[in-house]
Amino acid sequence: MLWSVWILSAVFLARWIFLWRGERRARLRFALTAPIGAIVGVIIGLLSVSASMDDASCFGRNCRGDVSNFTASLDANAGLGGLIVANSVLGLITAAALAVITLVVETVLMVRRHERAQRDESSM
């Protein structure tokens, strides 16, 4: 597999690590927007692949909706569209995993803050 398909995943991971030094609101915003951005990337890549499909194999009939032709174009060297799809799918997997980790950690931190606040109120 090409190294270039891991670029989006590496950017997501680097940004996620950097945001742990920032504020909570930015982490939560990133956890919600990164998967959405990756989904948009998948859609853009699929549109690019479908636009570059070779109609010469259809021999005069319309086979735009033919699944075998579409998957054959994905298997072939689809150029930029194939790289966008691969990069975005891996980015989506990474972003979803980071979102789950962020939400679990933020929930644990919220519970601990709440328990600490209750303990401080009861000691006064």
PDB file of N, CA and C in Angstrom:
ATOM      1  N   MET A   1       0.848  -1.177   0.000  1.00  0.00           N
ATOM      2  CA  MET A   1       0.000   0.000   0.000  1.00  0.00           C
ATOM      3  C   MET A   1       0.891   1.237   0.000  1.00  0.00           C
ATOM      4  N   LEU A   2       0.483   2.224  -0.700  1.00  0.00           N
ATOM      5  CA  LEU A   2       1.255   3.448  -0.803  1.00  0.00           C
ATOM      6  C   LEU A   2       1.260   4.214   0.521  1.00  0.00           C
ATOM      7  N   TRP A   3       2.356   4.902   0.765  1.00  0.00           N
ATOM      8  CA  TRP A   3       2.432   5.709   1.982  1.00  0.00           C
ATOM      9  C   TRP A   3       1.467   6.886   1.917  1.00  0.00           C
ATOM     10  N   SER A   4       1.122   7.312   0.708  1.00  0.00           N
ATOM     11  CA  SER A   4       0.285   8.509   0.569  1.00  0.00           C
ATOM     12  C   SER A   4      -1.153   8.302   1.029  1.00  0.00           C
ATOM     13  N   VAL A   5      -1.593   7.063   1.165  1.00  0.00           N
ATOM     14  CA  VAL A   5      -2.960   6.862   1.621  1.00  0.00           C
ATOM     15  C   VAL A   5      -3.077   7.016   3.136  1.00  0.00           C
ATOM     16  N   TRP A   6      -1.965   7.148   3.829  1.00  0.00           N
ATOM     17  CA  TRP A   6      -1.986   7.316   5.285  1.00  0.00           C
ATOM     18  C   TRP A   6      -1.858   8.771   5.712  1.00  0.00           C
ATOM     19  N   ILE A   7      -1.820   9.692   4.761  1.00  0.00           N
ATOM     20  CA  ILE A   7      -1.595  11.100   5.095  1.00  0.00           C
ATOM     21  C   ILE A   7      -2.720  11.651   5.963  1.00  0.00           C
ATOM     22  N   LEU A   8      -3.969  11.446   5.580  1.00  0.00           N
ATOM     23  CA  LEU A   8      -5.092  11.989   6.340  1.00  0.00           C
ATOM     24  C   LEU A   8      -5.146  11.400   7.748  1.00  0.00           C
ATOM     25  N   SER A   9      -4.875  10.117   7.873  1.00  0.00           N
ATOM     26  CA  SER A   9      -4.852   9.490   9.196  1.00  0.00           C
ATOM     27  C   SER A   9      -3.765  10.099  10.067  1.00  0.00           C
ATOM     28  N   ALA A  10      -2.595  10.338   9.485  1.00  0.00           N
ATOM     29  CA  ALA A  10      -1.498  10.941  10.247  1.00  0.00           C
ATOM     30  C   ALA A  10      -1.829  12.370  10.661  1.00  0.00           C
ATOM     31  N   VAL A  11      -2.485  13.109   9.785  1.00  0.00           N
ATOM     32  CA  VAL A  11      -2.887  14.480  10.123  1.00  0.00           C
ATOM     33  C   VAL A  11      -3.924  14.462  11.249  1.00  0.00           C
ATOM     34  N   PHE A  12      -4.910  13.568  11.151  1.00  0.00           N
ATOM     35  CA  PHE A  12      -5.910  13.454  12.213  1.00  0.00           C
ATOM     36  C   PHE A  12      -5.254  13.119  13.553  1.00  0.00           C
ATOM     37  N   LEU A  13      -4.338  12.163  13.553  1.00  0.00           N
ATOM     38  CA  LEU A  13      -3.680  11.756  14.789  1.00  0.00           C
ATOM     39  C   LEU A  13      -2.825  12.878  15.362  1.00  0.00           C
ATOM     40  N   ALA A  14      -2.058  13.560  14.517  1.00  0.00           N
ATOM     41  CA  ALA A  14      -1.215  14.656  14.995  1.00  0.00           C
ATOM     42  C   ALA A  14      -2.071  15.792  15.568  1.00  0.00           C
ATOM     43  N   ARG A  15      -3.133  16.129  14.883  1.00  0.00           N
ATOM     44  CA  ARG A  15      -4.026  17.205  15.369  1.00  0.00           C
ATOM     45  C   ARG A  15      -4.695  16.803  16.676  1.00  0.00           C
ATOM     46  N   TRP A  16      -5.104  15.551  16.778  1.00  0.00           N
ATOM     47  CA  TRP A  16      -5.757  15.060  17.993  1.00  0.00           C
ATOM     48  C   TRP A  16      -4.803  15.126  19.185  1.00  0.00           C
ATOM     49  N   ILE A  17      -3.563  14.700  18.982  1.00  0.00           N
ATOM     50  CA  ILE A  17      -2.564  14.759  20.058  1.00  0.00           C
ATOM     51  C   ILE A  17      -2.308  16.207  20.450  1.00  0.00           C
ATOM     52  N   PHE A  18      -2.201  17.097  19.465  1.00  0.00           N
ATOM     53  CA  PHE A  18      -1.967  18.518  19.744  1.00  0.00           C
ATOM     54  C   PHE A  18      -3.125  19.129  20.531  1.00  0.00           C
ATOM     55  N   LEU A  19      -4.349  18.700  20.255  1.00  0.00           N
ATOM     56  CA  LEU A  19      -5.517  19.292  20.932  1.00  0.00           C
ATOM     57  C   LEU A  19      -5.627  18.906  22.403  1.00  0.00           C
ATOM     58  N   TRP A  20      -4.928  17.864  22.842  1.00  0.00           N
ATOM     59  CA  TRP A  20      -4.997  17.500  24.248  1.00  0.00           C
ATOM     60  C   TRP A  20      -4.303  18.522  25.134  1.00  0.00           C
ATOM     61  N   ARG A  21      -3.507  19.393  24.548  1.00  0.00           N
ATOM     62  CA  ARG A  21      -2.910  20.490  25.311  1.00  0.00           C
ATOM     63  C   ARG A  21      -3.818  21.705  25.327  1.00  0.00           C
ATOM     64  N   GLY A  22      -4.832  21.697  24.486  1.00  0.00           N
ATOM     65  CA  GLY A  22      -5.752  22.817  24.369  1.00  0.00           C
ATOM     66  C   GLY A  22      -6.965  22.649  25.280  1.00  0.00           C
ATOM     67  N   GLU A  23      -8.007  23.329  24.921  1.00  0.00           N
ATOM     68  CA  GLU A  23      -9.205  23.278  25.748  1.00  0.00           C
ATOM     69  C   GLU A  23     -10.143  22.154  25.321  1.00  0.00           C
ATOM     70  N   ARG A  24     -11.017  21.810  26.224  1.00  0.00           N
ATOM     71  CA  ARG A  24     -11.935  20.684  26.041  1.00  0.00           C
ATOM     72  C   ARG A  24     -12.883  20.896  24.866  1.00  0.00           C
ATOM     73  N   ARG A  25     -13.336  22.107  24.688  1.00  0.00           N
ATOM     74  CA  ARG A  25     -14.284  22.423  23.624  1.00  0.00           C
ATOM     75  C   ARG A  25     -13.693  22.121  22.239  1.00  0.00           C
ATOM     76  N   ALA A  26     -12.411  22.440  22.053  1.00  0.00           N
ATOM     77  CA  ALA A  26     -11.756  22.177  20.767  1.00  0.00           C
ATOM     78  C   ALA A  26     -11.627  20.675  20.527  1.00  0.00           C
ATOM     79  N   ARG A  27     -11.335  19.897  21.561  1.00  0.00           N
ATOM     80  CA  ARG A  27     -11.236  18.442  21.413  1.00  0.00           C
ATOM     81  C   ARG A  27     -12.567  17.843  21.001  1.00  0.00           C
ATOM     82  N   LEU A  28     -13.634  18.289  21.653  1.00  0.00           N
ATOM     83  CA  LEU A  28     -14.953  17.752  21.319  1.00  0.00           C
ATOM     84  C   LEU A  28     -15.394  18.161  19.912  1.00  0.00           C
ATOM     85  N   ARG A  29     -15.080  19.381  19.520  1.00  0.00           N
ATOM     86  CA  ARG A  29     -15.415  19.837  18.171  1.00  0.00           C
ATOM     87  C   ARG A  29     -14.662  19.001  17.133  1.00  0.00           C
ATOM     88  N   PHE A  30     -13.395  18.723  17.398  1.00  0.00           N
ATOM     89  CA  PHE A  30     -12.608  17.899  16.485  1.00  0.00           C
ATOM     90  C   PHE A  30     -13.158  16.481  16.420  1.00  0.00           C
ATOM     91  N   ALA A  31     -13.569  15.939  17.569  1.00  0.00           N
ATOM     92  CA  ALA A  31     -14.104  14.579  17.601  1.00  0.00           C
ATOM     93  C   ALA A  31     -15.372  14.454  16.754  1.00  0.00           C
ATOM     94  N   LEU A  32     -16.122  15.536  16.629  1.00  0.00           N
ATOM     95  CA  LEU A  32     -17.346  15.501  15.823  1.00  0.00           C
ATOM     96  C   LEU A  32     -17.099  15.836  14.356  1.00  0.00           C
ATOM     97  N   THR A  33     -16.177  16.738  14.073  1.00  0.00           N
ATOM     98  CA  THR A  33     -16.000  17.184  12.692  1.00  0.00           C
ATOM     99  C   THR A  33     -15.040  16.318  11.878  1.00  0.00           C
ATOM    100  N   ALA A  34     -14.090  15.657  12.509  1.00  0.00           N
ATOM    101  CA  ALA A  34     -13.130  14.841  11.751  1.00  0.00           C
ATOM    102  C   ALA A  34     -13.812  13.695  10.990  1.00  0.00           C
ATOM    103  N   PRO A  35     -14.714  12.920  11.630  1.00  0.00           N
ATOM    104  CA  PRO A  35     -15.401  11.880  10.841  1.00  0.00           C
ATOM    105  C   PRO A  35     -16.275  12.449   9.723  1.00  0.00           C
ATOM    106  N   ILE A  36     -16.885  13.599   9.959  1.00  0.00           N
ATOM    107  CA  ILE A  36     -17.703  14.223   8.912  1.00  0.00           C
ATOM    108  C   ILE A  36     -16.827  14.632   7.738  1.00  0.00           C
ATOM    109  N   GLY A  37     -15.657  15.187   8.029  1.00  0.00           N
ATOM    110  CA  GLY A  37     -14.726  15.559   6.969  1.00  0.00           C
ATOM    111  C   GLY A  37     -14.247  14.354   6.178  1.00  0.00           C
ATOM    112  N   ALA A  38     -14.009  13.241   6.866  1.00  0.00           N
ATOM    113  CA  ALA A  38     -13.574  12.029   6.169  1.00  0.00           C
ATOM    114  C   ALA A  38     -14.698  11.472   5.292  1.00  0.00           C
ATOM    115  N   ILE A  39     -15.929  11.545   5.755  1.00  0.00           N
ATOM    116  CA  ILE A  39     -17.066  11.087   4.945  1.00  0.00           C
ATOM    117  C   ILE A  39     -17.204  11.949   3.691  1.00  0.00           C
ATOM    118  N   VAL A  40     -17.027  13.245   3.837  1.00  0.00           N
ATOM    119  CA  VAL A  40     -17.063  14.139   2.676  1.00  0.00           C
ATOM    120  C   VAL A  40     -15.940  13.774   1.702  1.00  0.00           C
ATOM    121  N   GLY A  41     -14.776  13.434   2.244  1.00  0.00           N
ATOM    122  CA  GLY A  41     -13.669  13.001   1.391  1.00  0.00           C
ATOM    123  C   GLY A  41     -13.984  11.734   0.620  1.00  0.00           C
ATOM    124  N   VAL A  42     -14.655  10.782   1.272  1.00  0.00           N
ATOM    125  CA  VAL A  42     -15.056   9.546   0.582  1.00  0.00           C
ATOM    126  C   VAL A  42     -16.022   9.872  -0.549  1.00  0.00           C
ATOM    127  N   ILE A  43     -16.975  10.742  -0.291  1.00  0.00           N
ATOM    128  CA  ILE A  43     -17.957  11.116  -1.320  1.00  0.00           C
ATOM    129  C   ILE A  43     -17.266  11.804  -2.494  1.00  0.00           C
ATOM    130  N   ILE A  44     -16.348  12.731  -2.198  1.00  0.00           N
ATOM    131  CA  ILE A  44     -15.624  13.420  -3.265  1.00  0.00           C
ATOM    132  C   ILE A  44     -14.793  12.429  -4.076  1.00  0.00           C
ATOM    133  N   GLY A  45     -14.143  11.501  -3.388  1.00  0.00           N
ATOM    134  CA  GLY A  45     -13.345  10.495  -4.096  1.00  0.00           C
ATOM    135  C   GLY A  45     -14.193   9.596  -4.972  1.00  0.00           C
ATOM    136  N   LEU A  46     -15.349   9.163  -4.464  1.00  0.00           N
ATOM    137  CA  LEU A  46     -16.230   8.318  -5.270  1.00  0.00           C
ATOM    138  C   LEU A  46     -16.782   9.070  -6.480  1.00  0.00           C
ATOM    139  N   LEU A  47     -17.084  10.351  -6.292  1.00  0.00           N
ATOM    140  CA  LEU A  47     -17.533  11.155  -7.432  1.00  0.00           C
ATOM    141  C   LEU A  47     -16.420  11.293  -8.467  1.00  0.00           C
ATOM    142  N   SER A  48     -15.200  11.461  -7.989  1.00  0.00           N
ATOM    143  CA  SER A  48     -14.065  11.575  -8.902  1.00  0.00           C
ATOM    144  C   SER A  48     -13.821  10.273  -9.660  1.00  0.00           C
ATOM    145  N   VAL A  49     -13.937   9.150  -8.961  1.00  0.00           N
ATOM    146  CA  VAL A  49     -13.753   7.851  -9.610  1.00  0.00           C
ATOM    147  C   VAL A  49     -14.863   7.600 -10.621  1.00  0.00           C
ATOM    148  N   SER A  50     -16.094   7.903 -10.245  1.00  0.00           N
ATOM    149  CA  SER A  50     -17.203   7.640 -11.172  1.00  0.00           C
ATOM    150  C   SER A  50     -17.148   8.571 -12.376  1.00  0.00           C
ATOM    151  N   ALA A  51     -16.607   9.769 -12.214  1.00  0.00           N
ATOM    152  CA  ALA A  51     -16.488  10.686 -13.352  1.00  0.00           C
ATOM    153  C   ALA A  51     -15.405  10.239 -14.316  1.00  0.00           C
ATOM    154  N   SER A  52     -14.402   9.519 -13.789  1.00  0.00           N
ATOM    155  CA  SER A  52     -13.296   9.097 -14.654  1.00  0.00           C
ATOM    156  C   SER A  52     -13.457   7.677 -15.168  1.00  0.00           C
ATOM    157  N   MET A  53     -14.634   7.082 -14.953  1.00  0.00           N
ATOM    158  CA  MET A  53     -14.853   5.713 -15.436  1.00  0.00           C
ATOM    159  C   MET A  53     -14.771   5.676 -16.952  1.00  0.00           C
ATOM    160  N   ASP A  54     -14.194   4.620 -17.469  1.00  0.00           N
ATOM    161  CA  ASP A  54     -14.029   4.467 -18.905  1.00  0.00           C
ATOM    162  C   ASP A  54     -15.303   3.879 -19.497  1.00  0.00           C
ATOM    163  N   ASP A  55     -15.945   4.639 -20.362  1.00  0.00           N
ATOM    164  CA  ASP A  55     -17.171   4.163 -21.001  1.00  0.00           C
ATOM    165  C   ASP A  55     -16.898   3.317 -22.235  1.00  0.00           C
ATOM    166  N   ALA A  56     -15.636   3.162 -22.597  1.00  0.00           N
ATOM    167  CA  ALA A  56     -15.314   2.396 -23.802  1.00  0.00           C
ATOM    168  C   ALA A  56     -15.653   0.924 -23.635  1.00  0.00           C
ATOM    169  N   SER A  57     -15.672   0.421 -22.406  1.00  0.00           N
ATOM    170  CA  SER A  57     -15.977  -0.988 -22.205  1.00  0.00           C
ATOM    171  C   SER A  57     -17.471  -1.283 -22.300  1.00  0.00           C
ATOM    172  N   CYS A  58     -18.297  -0.277 -22.440  1.00  0.00           N
ATOM    173  CA  CYS A  58     -19.740  -0.479 -22.506  1.00  0.00           C
ATOM    174  C   CYS A  58     -20.218  -0.794 -23.920  1.00  0.00           C
ATOM    175  N   PHE A  59     -19.415  -0.502 -24.933  1.00  0.00           N
ATOM    176  CA  PHE A  59     -19.742  -0.793 -26.328  1.00  0.00           C
ATOM    177  C   PHE A  59     -21.099  -0.219 -26.726  1.00  0.00           C
ATOM    178  N   GLY A  60     -21.287   1.058 -26.498  1.00  0.00           N
ATOM    179  CA  GLY A  60     -22.476   1.734 -26.980  1.00  0.00           C
ATOM    180  C   GLY A  60     -23.670   1.710 -26.054  1.00  0.00           C
ATOM    181  N   ARG A  61     -23.656   0.926 -25.016  1.00  0.00           N
ATOM    182  CA  ARG A  61     -24.802   0.923 -24.099  1.00  0.00           C
ATOM    183  C   ARG A  61     -24.428   1.683 -22.826  1.00  0.00           C
ATOM    184  N   ASN A  62     -25.406   2.173 -22.137  1.00  0.00           N
ATOM    185  CA  ASN A  62     -25.176   2.956 -20.926  1.00  0.00           C
ATOM    186  C   ASN A  62     -24.966   2.005 -19.749  1.00  0.00           C
ATOM    187  N   CYS A  63     -23.778   1.947 -19.256  1.00  0.00           N
ATOM    188  CA  CYS A  63     -23.512   1.076 -18.108  1.00  0.00           C
ATOM    189  C   CYS A  63     -22.953   1.873 -16.943  1.00  0.00           C
ATOM    190  N   ARG A  64     -23.390   3.112 -16.825  1.00  0.00           N
ATOM    191  CA  ARG A  64     -22.945   3.967 -15.727  1.00  0.00           C
ATOM    192  C   ARG A  64     -23.335   3.364 -14.372  1.00  0.00           C
ATOM    193  N   GLY A  65     -24.486   2.726 -14.301  1.00  0.00           N
ATOM    194  CA  GLY A  65     -24.958   2.160 -13.046  1.00  0.00           C
ATOM    195  C   GLY A  65     -24.505   0.734 -12.822  1.00  0.00           C
ATOM    196  N   ASP A  66     -23.692   0.193 -13.720  1.00  0.00           N
ATOM    197  CA  ASP A  66     -23.238  -1.179 -13.623  1.00  0.00           C
ATOM    198  C   ASP A  66     -22.199  -1.308 -12.513  1.00  0.00           C
ATOM    199  N   VAL A  67     -22.482  -2.156 -11.552  1.00  0.00           N
ATOM    200  CA  VAL A  67     -21.606  -2.308 -10.387  1.00  0.00           C
ATOM    201  C   VAL A  67     -20.268  -2.919 -10.780  1.00  0.00           C
ATOM    202  N   SER A  68     -20.270  -3.864 -11.688  1.00  0.00           N
ATOM    203  CA  SER A  68     -19.011  -4.508 -12.080  1.00  0.00           C
ATOM    204  C   SER A  68     -18.076  -3.515 -12.761  1.00  0.00           C
ATOM    205  N   ASN A  69     -18.628  -2.604 -13.548  1.00  0.00           N
ATOM    206  CA  ASN A  69     -17.803  -1.581 -14.197  1.00  0.00           C
ATOM    207  C   ASN A  69     -17.235  -0.621 -13.151  1.00  0.00           C
ATOM    208  N   PHE A  70     -18.049  -0.280 -12.175  1.00  0.00           N
ATOM    209  CA  PHE A  70     -17.591   0.640 -11.126  1.00  0.00           C
ATOM    210  C   PHE A  70     -16.481   0.013 -10.293  1.00  0.00           C
ATOM    211  N   THR A  71     -16.656  -1.256  -9.893  1.00  0.00           N
ATOM    212  CA  THR A  71     -15.620  -1.899  -9.082  1.00  0.00           C
ATOM    213  C   THR A  71     -14.368  -2.160  -9.910  1.00  0.00           C
ATOM    214  N   ALA A  72     -14.519  -2.408 -11.200  1.00  0.00           N
ATOM    215  CA  ALA A  72     -13.340  -2.575 -12.054  1.00  0.00           C
ATOM    216  C   ALA A  72     -12.560  -1.278 -12.142  1.00  0.00           C
ATOM    217  N   SER A  73     -13.263  -0.161 -12.163  1.00  0.00           N
ATOM    218  CA  SER A  73     -12.553   1.123 -12.214  1.00  0.00           C
ATOM    219  C   SER A  73     -11.870   1.424 -10.886  1.00  0.00           C
ATOM    220  N   LEU A  74     -12.419   0.905  -9.787  1.00  0.00           N
ATOM    221  CA  LEU A  74     -11.742   1.076  -8.503  1.00  0.00           C
ATOM    222  C   LEU A  74     -10.495   0.210  -8.430  1.00  0.00           C
ATOM    223  N   ASP A  75     -10.561  -1.002  -8.994  1.00  0.00           N
ATOM    224  CA  ASP A  75      -9.415  -1.899  -8.983  1.00  0.00           C
ATOM    225  C   ASP A  75      -8.309  -1.420  -9.906  1.00  0.00           C
ATOM    226  N   ALA A  76      -8.684  -0.789 -11.003  1.00  0.00           N
ATOM    227  CA  ALA A  76      -7.695  -0.267 -11.932  1.00  0.00           C
ATOM    228  C   ALA A  76      -7.041   0.964 -11.316  1.00  0.00           C
ATOM    229  N   ASN A  77      -6.046   1.460 -11.969  1.00  0.00           N
ATOM    230  CA  ASN A  77      -5.379   2.659 -11.478  1.00  0.00           C
ATOM    231  C   ASN A  77      -6.315   3.838 -11.684  1.00  0.00           C
ATOM    232  N   ALA A  78      -7.036   4.207 -10.667  1.00  0.00           N
ATOM    233  CA  ALA A  78      -8.034   5.265 -10.777  1.00  0.00           C
ATOM    234  C   ALA A  78      -7.425   6.644 -10.607  1.00  0.00           C
ATOM    235  N   GLY A  79      -6.130   6.714 -10.375  1.00  0.00           N
ATOM    236  CA  GLY A  79      -5.476   8.002 -10.242  1.00  0.00           C
ATOM    237  C   GLY A  79      -5.835   8.677  -8.939  1.00  0.00           C
ATOM    238  N   LEU A  80      -6.105   9.948  -9.031  1.00  0.00           N
ATOM    239  CA  LEU A  80      -6.352  10.756  -7.845  1.00  0.00           C
ATOM    240  C   LEU A  80      -7.618  10.337  -7.106  1.00  0.00           C
ATOM    241  N   GLY A  81      -8.652   9.959  -7.833  1.00  0.00           N
ATOM    242  CA  GLY A  81      -9.910   9.555  -7.190  1.00  0.00           C
ATOM    243  C   GLY A  81      -9.737   8.347  -6.294  1.00  0.00           C
ATOM    244  N   GLY A  82      -9.001   7.352  -6.764  1.00  0.00           N
ATOM    245  CA  GLY A  82      -8.748   6.161  -5.949  1.00  0.00           C
ATOM    246  C   GLY A  82      -7.943   6.482  -4.701  1.00  0.00           C
ATOM    247  N   LEU A  83      -6.958   7.370  -4.842  1.00  0.00           N
ATOM    248  CA  LEU A  83      -6.169   7.776  -3.669  1.00  0.00           C
ATOM    249  C   LEU A  83      -7.023   8.548  -2.666  1.00  0.00           C
ATOM    250  N   ILE A  84      -7.915   9.390  -3.175  1.00  0.00           N
ATOM    251  CA  ILE A  84      -8.797  10.145  -2.275  1.00  0.00           C
ATOM    252  C   ILE A  84      -9.712   9.188  -1.513  1.00  0.00           C
ATOM    253  N   VAL A  85     -10.265   8.200  -2.211  1.00  0.00           N
ATOM    254  CA  VAL A  85     -11.144   7.231  -1.554  1.00  0.00           C
ATOM    255  C   VAL A  85     -10.383   6.445  -0.493  1.00  0.00           C
ATOM    256  N   ALA A  86      -9.218   5.918  -0.856  1.00  0.00           N
ATOM    257  CA  ALA A  86      -8.434   5.120   0.103  1.00  0.00           C
ATOM    258  C   ALA A  86      -8.011   5.954   1.295  1.00  0.00           C
ATOM    259  N   ASN A  87      -7.531   7.162   1.036  1.00  0.00           N
ATOM    260  CA  ASN A  87      -7.098   8.046   2.109  1.00  0.00           C
ATOM    261  C   ASN A  87      -8.257   8.409   3.026  1.00  0.00           C
ATOM    262  N   SER A  88      -9.403   8.692   2.451  1.00  0.00           N
ATOM    263  CA  SER A  88     -10.559   9.096   3.246  1.00  0.00           C
ATOM    264  C   SER A  88     -11.135   7.940   4.059  1.00  0.00           C
ATOM    265  N   VAL A  89     -11.122   6.733   3.493  1.00  0.00           N
ATOM    266  CA  VAL A  89     -11.627   5.576   4.249  1.00  0.00           C
ATOM    267  C   VAL A  89     -10.726   5.309   5.460  1.00  0.00           C
ATOM    268  N   LEU A  90      -9.419   5.331   5.240  1.00  0.00           N
ATOM    269  CA  LEU A  90      -8.500   5.147   6.374  1.00  0.00           C
ATOM    270  C   LEU A  90      -8.612   6.306   7.361  1.00  0.00           C
ATOM    271  N   GLY A  91      -8.801   7.516   6.848  1.00  0.00           N
ATOM    272  CA  GLY A  91      -9.013   8.669   7.720  1.00  0.00           C
ATOM    273  C   GLY A  91     -10.294   8.551   8.520  1.00  0.00           C
ATOM    274  N   LEU A  92     -11.334   8.001   7.903  1.00  0.00           N
ATOM    275  CA  LEU A  92     -12.606   7.799   8.606  1.00  0.00           C
ATOM    276  C   LEU A  92     -12.451   6.789   9.734  1.00  0.00           C
ATOM    277  N   ILE A  93     -11.730   5.714   9.464  1.00  0.00           N
ATOM    278  CA  ILE A  93     -11.490   4.723  10.517  1.00  0.00           C
ATOM    279  C   ILE A  93     -10.716   5.346  11.670  1.00  0.00           C
ATOM    280  N   THR A  94      -9.678   6.108  11.341  1.00  0.00           N
ATOM    281  CA  THR A  94      -8.879   6.771  12.371  1.00  0.00           C
ATOM    282  C   THR A  94      -9.704   7.801  13.130  1.00  0.00           C
ATOM    283  N   ALA A  95     -10.456   8.616  12.412  1.00  0.00           N
ATOM    284  CA  ALA A  95     -11.250   9.664  13.052  1.00  0.00           C
ATOM    285  C   ALA A  95     -12.335   9.072  13.947  1.00  0.00           C
ATOM    286  N   ALA A  96     -12.955   7.991  13.516  1.00  0.00           N
ATOM    287  CA  ALA A  96     -13.981   7.356  14.347  1.00  0.00           C
ATOM    288  C   ALA A  96     -13.375   6.789  15.622  1.00  0.00           C
ATOM    289  N   ALA A  97     -12.221   6.146  15.502  1.00  0.00           N
ATOM    290  CA  ALA A  97     -11.557   5.608  16.699  1.00  0.00           C
ATOM    291  C   ALA A  97     -11.147   6.733  17.649  1.00  0.00           C
ATOM    292  N   LEU A  98     -10.600   7.813  17.111  1.00  0.00           N
ATOM    293  CA  LEU A  98     -10.203   8.940  17.966  1.00  0.00           C
ATOM    294  C   LEU A  98     -11.416   9.616  18.595  1.00  0.00           C
ATOM    295  N   ALA A  99     -12.531   9.660  17.880  1.00  0.00           N
ATOM    296  CA  ALA A  99     -13.747  10.249  18.438  1.00  0.00           C
ATOM    297  C   ALA A  99     -14.258   9.416  19.611  1.00  0.00           C
ATOM    298  N   VAL A 100     -14.236   8.106  19.463  1.00  0.00           N
ATOM    299  CA  VAL A 100     -14.681   7.228  20.555  1.00  0.00           C
ATOM    300  C   VAL A 100     -13.769   7.394  21.767  1.00  0.00           C
ATOM    301  N   ILE A 101     -12.467   7.393  21.529  1.00  0.00           N
ATOM    302  CA  ILE A 101     -11.520   7.575  22.642  1.00  0.00           C
ATOM    303  C   ILE A 101     -11.737   8.919  23.318  1.00  0.00           C
ATOM    304  N   THR A 102     -11.911   9.972  22.534  1.00  0.00           N
ATOM    305  CA  THR A 102     -12.132  11.305  23.096  1.00  0.00           C
ATOM    306  C   THR A 102     -13.395  11.346  23.936  1.00  0.00           C
ATOM    307  N   LEU A 103     -14.484  10.782  23.434  1.00  0.00           N
ATOM    308  CA  LEU A 103     -15.743  10.820  24.179  1.00  0.00           C
ATOM    309  C   LEU A 103     -15.661  10.002  25.462  1.00  0.00           C
ATOM    310  N   VAL A 104     -14.980   8.859  25.425  1.00  0.00           N
ATOM    311  CA  VAL A 104     -14.823   8.047  26.639  1.00  0.00           C
ATOM    312  C   VAL A 104     -13.978   8.794  27.669  1.00  0.00           C
ATOM    313  N   VAL A 105     -12.857   9.351  27.237  1.00  0.00           N
ATOM    314  CA  VAL A 105     -11.981  10.064  28.165  1.00  0.00           C
ATOM    315  C   VAL A 105     -12.670  11.298  28.722  1.00  0.00           C
ATOM    316  N   GLU A 106     -13.355  12.051  27.884  1.00  0.00           N
ATOM    317  CA  GLU A 106     -14.062  13.244  28.368  1.00  0.00           C
ATOM    318  C   GLU A 106     -15.180  12.879  29.332  1.00  0.00           C
ATOM    319  N   THR A 107     -15.852  11.764  29.101  1.00  0.00           N
ATOM    320  CA  THR A 107     -16.886  11.319  30.043  1.00  0.00           C
ATOM    321  C   THR A 107     -16.276  10.957  31.390  1.00  0.00           C
ATOM    322  N   VAL A 108     -15.167  10.242  31.378  1.00  0.00           N
ATOM    323  CA  VAL A 108     -14.491   9.887  32.621  1.00  0.00           C
ATOM    324  C   VAL A 108     -14.023  11.141  33.351  1.00  0.00           C
ATOM    325  N   LEU A 109     -13.458  12.089  32.623  1.00  0.00           N
ATOM    326  CA  LEU A 109     -13.012  13.328  33.257  1.00  0.00           C
ATOM    327  C   LEU A 109     -14.181  14.122  33.823  1.00  0.00           C
ATOM    328  N   MET A 110     -15.301  14.112  33.135  1.00  0.00           N
ATOM    329  CA  MET A 110     -16.475  14.833  33.616  1.00  0.00           C
ATOM    330  C   MET A 110     -16.997  14.211  34.920  1.00  0.00           C
ATOM    331  N   VAL A 111     -17.038  12.887  34.965  1.00  0.00           N
ATOM    332  CA  VAL A 111     -17.495  12.205  36.173  1.00  0.00           C
ATOM    333  C   VAL A 111     -16.541  12.491  37.334  1.00  0.00           C
ATOM    334  N   ARG A 112     -15.255  12.468  37.089  1.00  0.00           N
ATOM    335  CA  ARG A 112     -14.280  12.739  38.144  1.00  0.00           C
ATOM    336  C   ARG A 112     -14.390  14.177  38.644  1.00  0.00           C
ATOM    337  N   ARG A 113     -14.602  15.140  37.731  1.00  0.00           N
ATOM    338  CA  ARG A 113     -14.787  16.538  38.150  1.00  0.00           C
ATOM    339  C   ARG A 113     -16.044  16.685  39.004  1.00  0.00           C
ATOM    340  N   HIS A 114     -17.103  16.003  38.583  1.00  0.00           N
ATOM    341  CA  HIS A 114     -18.356  16.078  39.329  1.00  0.00           C
ATOM    342  C   HIS A 114     -18.183  15.468  40.722  1.00  0.00           C
ATOM    343  N   GLU A 115     -17.513  14.334  40.817  1.00  0.00           N
ATOM    344  CA  GLU A 115     -17.279  13.712  42.126  1.00  0.00           C
ATOM    345  C   GLU A 115     -16.411  14.589  43.007  1.00  0.00           C
ATOM    346  N   ARG A 116     -15.409  15.219  42.420  1.00  0.00           N
ATOM    347  CA  ARG A 116     -14.542  16.114  43.179  1.00  0.00           C
ATOM    348  C   ARG A 116     -15.309  17.319  43.681  1.00  0.00           C
ATOM    349  N   ALA A 117     -16.196  17.863  42.848  1.00  0.00           N
ATOM    350  CA  ALA A 117     -17.012  19.023  43.252  1.00  0.00           C
ATOM    351  C   ALA A 117     -17.953  18.627  44.388  1.00  0.00           C
ATOM    352  N   GLN A 118     -18.558  17.453  44.315  1.00  0.00           N
ATOM    353  CA  GLN A 118     -19.432  17.003  45.407  1.00  0.00           C
ATOM    354  C   GLN A 118     -18.656  16.786  46.680  1.00  0.00           C
ATOM    355  N   ARG A 119     -17.456  16.233  46.568  1.00  0.00           N
ATOM    356  CA  ARG A 119     -16.639  15.999  47.740  1.00  0.00           C
ATOM    357  C   ARG A 119     -16.219  17.317  48.377  1.00  0.00           C
ATOM    358  N   ASP A 120     -15.894  18.313  47.574  1.00  0.00           N
ATOM    359  CA  ASP A 120     -15.513  19.633  48.094  1.00  0.00           C
ATOM    360  C   ASP A 120     -16.703  20.321  48.769  1.00  0.00           C
ATOM    361  N   GLU A 121     -17.904  20.176  48.201  1.00  0.00           N
ATOM    362  CA  GLU A 121     -19.102  20.775  48.806  1.00  0.00           C
ATOM    363  C   GLU A 121     -19.435  20.103  50.135  1.00  0.00           C
ATOM    364  N   SER A 122     -19.273  18.818  50.206  1.00  0.00           N
ATOM    365  CA  SER A 122     -19.606  18.112  51.450  1.00  0.00           C
ATOM    366  C   SER A 122     -18.579  18.372  52.540  1.00  0.00           C
ATOM    367  N   SER A 123     -17.364  18.701  52.200  1.00  0.00           N
ATOM    368  CA  SER A 123     -16.335  18.971  53.211  1.00  0.00           C
ATOM    369  C   SER A 123     -16.461  20.376  53.775  1.00  0.00           C
ATOM    370  N   MET A 124     -17.190  21.255  53.096  1.00  0.00           N
ATOM    371  CA  MET A 124     -17.346  22.636  53.596  1.00  0.00           C
ATOM    372  C   MET A 124     -18.370  22.724  54.641  1.00  0.00           C
TER     373      MET A 124
END
